[in-house]
Amino acid sequence: MRQFVERDGTWVGLLFRGPAALKLKDRKKWLGSNSAMAAERLKLEV
């Protein structure tokens, strides 16, 4: 997944998370997510 941060038409940041990051329990806990919520949100991730 890639996320670009843009301000006034200029890139100011880039976040890249590989497939392994999508399976981390600590990440899900930090986001307050569960399996059903993650499946629903997966379509929003690029």
PDB file of N, CA and C in Angstrom:
ATOM      1  N   MET A   1       0.841  -1.154   0.000  1.00  0.00           N
ATOM      2  CA  MET A   1       0.000   0.000   0.000  1.00  0.00           C
ATOM      3  C   MET A   1       0.896   1.230   0.000  1.00  0.00           C
ATOM      4  N   ARG A   2       0.522   2.195  -0.805  1.00  0.00           N
ATOM      5  CA  ARG A   2       1.269   3.451  -0.850  1.00  0.00           C
ATOM      6  C   ARG A   2       0.317   4.600  -0.539  1.00  0.00           C
ATOM      7  N   GLN A   3       0.785   5.518   0.257  1.00  0.00           N
ATOM      8  CA  GLN A   3       0.027   6.723   0.549  1.00  0.00           C
ATOM      9  C   GLN A   3       0.927   7.915   0.268  1.00  0.00           C
ATOM     10  N   PHE A   4       0.410   8.855  -0.474  1.00  0.00           N
ATOM     11  CA  PHE A   4       1.143  10.071  -0.801  1.00  0.00           C
ATOM     12  C   PHE A   4       0.538  11.237  -0.045  1.00  0.00           C
ATOM     13  N   VAL A   5       1.378  12.073   0.485  1.00  0.00           N
ATOM     14  CA  VAL A   5       0.917  13.274   1.171  1.00  0.00           C
ATOM     15  C   VAL A   5       1.282  14.461   0.294  1.00  0.00           C
ATOM     16  N   GLU A   6       0.285  15.246  -0.036  1.00  0.00           N
ATOM     17  CA  GLU A   6       0.495  16.379  -0.935  1.00  0.00           C
ATOM     18  C   GLU A   6       0.001  17.655  -0.262  1.00  0.00           C
ATOM     19  N   ARG A   7       0.760  18.713  -0.423  1.00  0.00           N
ATOM     20  CA  ARG A   7       0.369  20.017   0.124  1.00  0.00           C
ATOM     21  C   ARG A   7       0.643  21.076  -0.930  1.00  0.00           C
ATOM     22  N   ASP A   8      -0.376  21.799  -1.292  1.00  0.00           N
ATOM     23  CA  ASP A   8      -0.273  22.853  -2.303  1.00  0.00           C
ATOM     24  C   ASP A   8       0.343  22.331  -3.605  1.00  0.00           C
ATOM     25  N   GLY A   9      -0.029  21.097  -3.983  1.00  0.00           N
ATOM     26  CA  GLY A   9       0.447  20.529  -5.240  1.00  0.00           C
ATOM     27  C   GLY A   9       1.847  19.937  -5.201  1.00  0.00           C
ATOM     28  N   THR A  10       2.474  19.906  -4.022  1.00  0.00           N
ATOM     29  CA  THR A  10       3.830  19.371  -3.892  1.00  0.00           C
ATOM     30  C   THR A  10       3.812  18.168  -2.965  1.00  0.00           C
ATOM     31  N   TRP A  11       4.486  17.084  -3.373  1.00  0.00           N
ATOM     32  CA  TRP A  11       4.579  15.919  -2.509  1.00  0.00           C
ATOM     33  C   TRP A  11       5.424  16.260  -1.288  1.00  0.00           C
ATOM     34  N   VAL A  12       4.910  15.972  -0.123  1.00  0.00           N
ATOM     35  CA  VAL A  12       5.665  16.214   1.105  1.00  0.00           C
ATOM     36  C   VAL A  12       5.895  14.933   1.902  1.00  0.00           C
ATOM     37  N   GLY A  13       5.325  13.810   1.435  1.00  0.00           N
ATOM     38  CA  GLY A  13       5.535  12.565   2.142  1.00  0.00           C
ATOM     39  C   GLY A  13       5.060  11.367   1.354  1.00  0.00           C
ATOM     40  N   LEU A  14       5.596  10.223   1.710  1.00  0.00           N
ATOM     41  CA  LEU A  14       5.230   8.959   1.081  1.00  0.00           C
ATOM     42  C   LEU A  14       5.321   7.872   2.143  1.00  0.00           C
ATOM     43  N   LEU A  15       4.288   7.074   2.244  1.00  0.00           N
ATOM     44  CA  LEU A  15       4.273   5.951   3.178  1.00  0.00           C
ATOM     45  C   LEU A  15       4.040   4.692   2.376  1.00  0.00           C
ATOM     46  N   PHE A  16       4.880   3.697   2.570  1.00  0.00           N
ATOM     47  CA  PHE A  16       4.733   2.429   1.866  1.00  0.00           C
ATOM     48  C   PHE A  16       4.685   1.322   2.898  1.00  0.00           C
ATOM     49  N   ARG A  17       3.659   0.484   2.788  1.00  0.00           N
ATOM     50  CA  ARG A  17       3.550  -0.687   3.651  1.00  0.00           C
ATOM     51  C   ARG A  17       3.382  -1.904   2.763  1.00  0.00           C
ATOM     52  N   GLY A  18       4.224  -2.885   2.970  1.00  0.00           N
ATOM     53  CA  GLY A  18       4.160  -4.109   2.190  1.00  0.00           C
ATOM     54  C   GLY A  18       3.100  -5.059   2.714  1.00  0.00           C
ATOM     55  N   PRO A  19       2.891  -6.178   2.035  1.00  0.00           N
ATOM     56  CA  PRO A  19       1.851  -7.134   2.407  1.00  0.00           C
ATOM     57  C   PRO A  19       1.982  -7.679   3.834  1.00  0.00           C
ATOM     58  N   ALA A  20       3.180  -7.815   4.321  1.00  0.00           N
ATOM     59  CA  ALA A  20       3.364  -8.349   5.669  1.00  0.00           C
ATOM     60  C   ALA A  20       2.754  -7.423   6.722  1.00  0.00           C
ATOM     61  N   ALA A  21       2.787  -6.132   6.494  1.00  0.00           N
ATOM     62  CA  ALA A  21       2.246  -5.176   7.454  1.00  0.00           C
ATOM     63  C   ALA A  21       0.740  -5.311   7.616  1.00  0.00           C
ATOM     64  N   LEU A  22       0.066  -5.838   6.614  1.00  0.00           N
ATOM     65  CA  LEU A  22      -1.381  -5.988   6.682  1.00  0.00           C
ATOM     66  C   LEU A  22      -1.795  -7.131   7.603  1.00  0.00           C
ATOM     67  N   LYS A  23      -0.863  -7.974   8.008  1.00  0.00           N
ATOM     68  CA  LYS A  23      -1.164  -9.144   8.834  1.00  0.00           C
ATOM     69  C   LYS A  23      -0.684  -9.006  10.277  1.00  0.00           C
ATOM     70  N   LEU A  24      -0.167  -7.863  10.661  1.00  0.00           N
ATOM     71  CA  LEU A  24       0.386  -7.690  11.990  1.00  0.00           C
ATOM     72  C   LEU A  24      -0.704  -7.465  13.030  1.00  0.00           C
ATOM     73  N   LYS A  25      -0.717  -8.288  14.071  1.00  0.00           N
ATOM     74  CA  LYS A  25      -1.717  -8.153  15.132  1.00  0.00           C
ATOM     75  C   LYS A  25      -1.595  -6.815  15.852  1.00  0.00           C
ATOM     76  N   ASP A  26      -0.355  -6.376  16.114  1.00  0.00           N
ATOM     77  CA  ASP A  26      -0.149  -5.114  16.817  1.00  0.00           C
ATOM     78  C   ASP A  26      -0.693  -3.938  16.009  1.00  0.00           C
ATOM     79  N   ARG A  27      -0.558  -4.009  14.697  1.00  0.00           N
ATOM     80  CA  ARG A  27      -1.081  -2.949  13.831  1.00  0.00           C
ATOM     81  C   ARG A  27      -2.598  -2.892  13.943  1.00  0.00           C
ATOM     82  N   LYS A  28      -3.242  -4.046  13.888  1.00  0.00           N
ATOM     83  CA  LYS A  28      -4.704  -4.094  14.009  1.00  0.00           C
ATOM     84  C   LYS A  28      -5.161  -3.556  15.360  1.00  0.00           C
ATOM     85  N   LYS A  29      -4.437  -3.937  16.417  1.00  0.00           N
ATOM     86  CA  LYS A  29      -4.793  -3.456  17.758  1.00  0.00           C
ATOM     87  C   LYS A  29      -4.633  -1.938  17.839  1.00  0.00           C
ATOM     88  N   TRP A  30      -3.544  -1.421  17.307  1.00  0.00           N
ATOM     89  CA  TRP A  30      -3.283   0.018  17.334  1.00  0.00           C
ATOM     90  C   TRP A  30      -4.350   0.792  16.557  1.00  0.00           C
ATOM     91  N   LEU A  31      -4.789   0.216  15.423  1.00  0.00           N
ATOM     92  CA  LEU A  31      -5.822   0.864  14.617  1.00  0.00           C
ATOM     93  C   LEU A  31      -7.222   0.649  15.172  1.00  0.00           C
ATOM     94  N   GLY A  32      -7.350  -0.241  16.139  1.00  0.00           N
ATOM     95  CA  GLY A  32      -8.661  -0.560  16.678  1.00  0.00           C
ATOM     96  C   GLY A  32      -9.487  -1.352  15.685  1.00  0.00           C
ATOM     97  N   SER A  33      -8.829  -2.196  14.926  1.00  0.00           N
ATOM     98  CA  SER A  33      -9.462  -2.944  13.845  1.00  0.00           C
ATOM     99  C   SER A  33      -9.696  -4.394  14.237  1.00  0.00           C
ATOM    100  N   ASN A  34     -10.613  -5.039  13.526  1.00  0.00           N
ATOM    101  CA  ASN A  34     -10.790  -6.475  13.641  1.00  0.00           C
ATOM    102  C   ASN A  34     -10.839  -7.055  12.230  1.00  0.00           C
ATOM    103  N   SER A  35     -10.953  -8.354  12.097  1.00  0.00           N
ATOM    104  CA  SER A  35     -10.896  -8.988  10.776  1.00  0.00           C
ATOM    105  C   SER A  35     -12.009  -8.515   9.846  1.00  0.00           C
ATOM    106  N   ALA A  36     -13.225  -8.378  10.365  1.00  0.00           N
ATOM    107  CA  ALA A  36     -14.354  -7.934   9.534  1.00  0.00           C
ATOM    108  C   ALA A  36     -14.130  -6.500   9.050  1.00  0.00           C
ATOM    109  N   MET A  37     -13.663  -5.635   9.942  1.00  0.00           N
ATOM    110  CA  MET A  37     -13.413  -4.238   9.590  1.00  0.00           C
ATOM    111  C   MET A  37     -12.267  -4.154   8.571  1.00  0.00           C
ATOM    112  N   ALA A  38     -11.230  -4.951   8.767  1.00  0.00           N
ATOM    113  CA  ALA A  38     -10.085  -4.945   7.849  1.00  0.00           C
ATOM    114  C   ALA A  38     -10.516  -5.389   6.454  1.00  0.00           C
ATOM    115  N   ALA A  39     -11.369  -6.400   6.370  1.00  0.00           N
ATOM    116  CA  ALA A  39     -11.851  -6.879   5.070  1.00  0.00           C
ATOM    117  C   ALA A  39     -12.659  -5.793   4.371  1.00  0.00           C
ATOM    118  N   GLU A  40     -13.466  -5.068   5.112  1.00  0.00           N
ATOM    119  CA  GLU A  40     -14.274  -3.994   4.527  1.00  0.00           C
ATOM    120  C   GLU A  40     -13.402  -2.842   4.033  1.00  0.00           C
ATOM    121  N   ARG A  41     -12.351  -2.531   4.775  1.00  0.00           N
ATOM    122  CA  ARG A  41     -11.483  -1.403   4.418  1.00  0.00           C
ATOM    123  C   ARG A  41     -10.458  -1.744   3.347  1.00  0.00           C
ATOM    124  N   LEU A  42     -10.219  -3.036   3.113  1.00  0.00           N
ATOM    125  CA  LEU A  42      -9.199  -3.453   2.156  1.00  0.00           C
ATOM    126  C   LEU A  42      -9.448  -2.853   0.778  1.00  0.00           C
ATOM    127  N   LYS A  43     -10.696  -2.713   0.377  1.00  0.00           N
ATOM    128  CA  LYS A  43     -11.018  -2.144  -0.937  1.00  0.00           C
ATOM    129  C   LYS A  43     -10.623  -0.672  -1.039  1.00  0.00           C
ATOM    130  N   LEU A  44     -10.405  -0.008   0.096  1.00  0.00           N
ATOM    131  CA  LEU A  44     -10.013   1.401   0.101  1.00  0.00           C
ATOM    132  C   LEU A  44      -8.501   1.592  -0.026  1.00  0.00           C
ATOM    133  N   GLU A  45      -7.755   0.510   0.170  1.00  0.00           N
ATOM    134  CA  GLU A  45      -6.297   0.589   0.128  1.00  0.00           C
ATOM    135  C   GLU A  45      -5.798   0.321  -1.287  1.00  0.00           C
ATOM    136  N   VAL A  46      -4.776   1.048  -1.649  1.00  0.00           N
ATOM    137  CA  VAL A  46      -4.189   0.902  -2.984  1.00  0.00           C
ATOM    138  C   VAL A  46      -2.956   0.040  -2.892  1.00  0.00           C
TER     139      VAL A  46
END
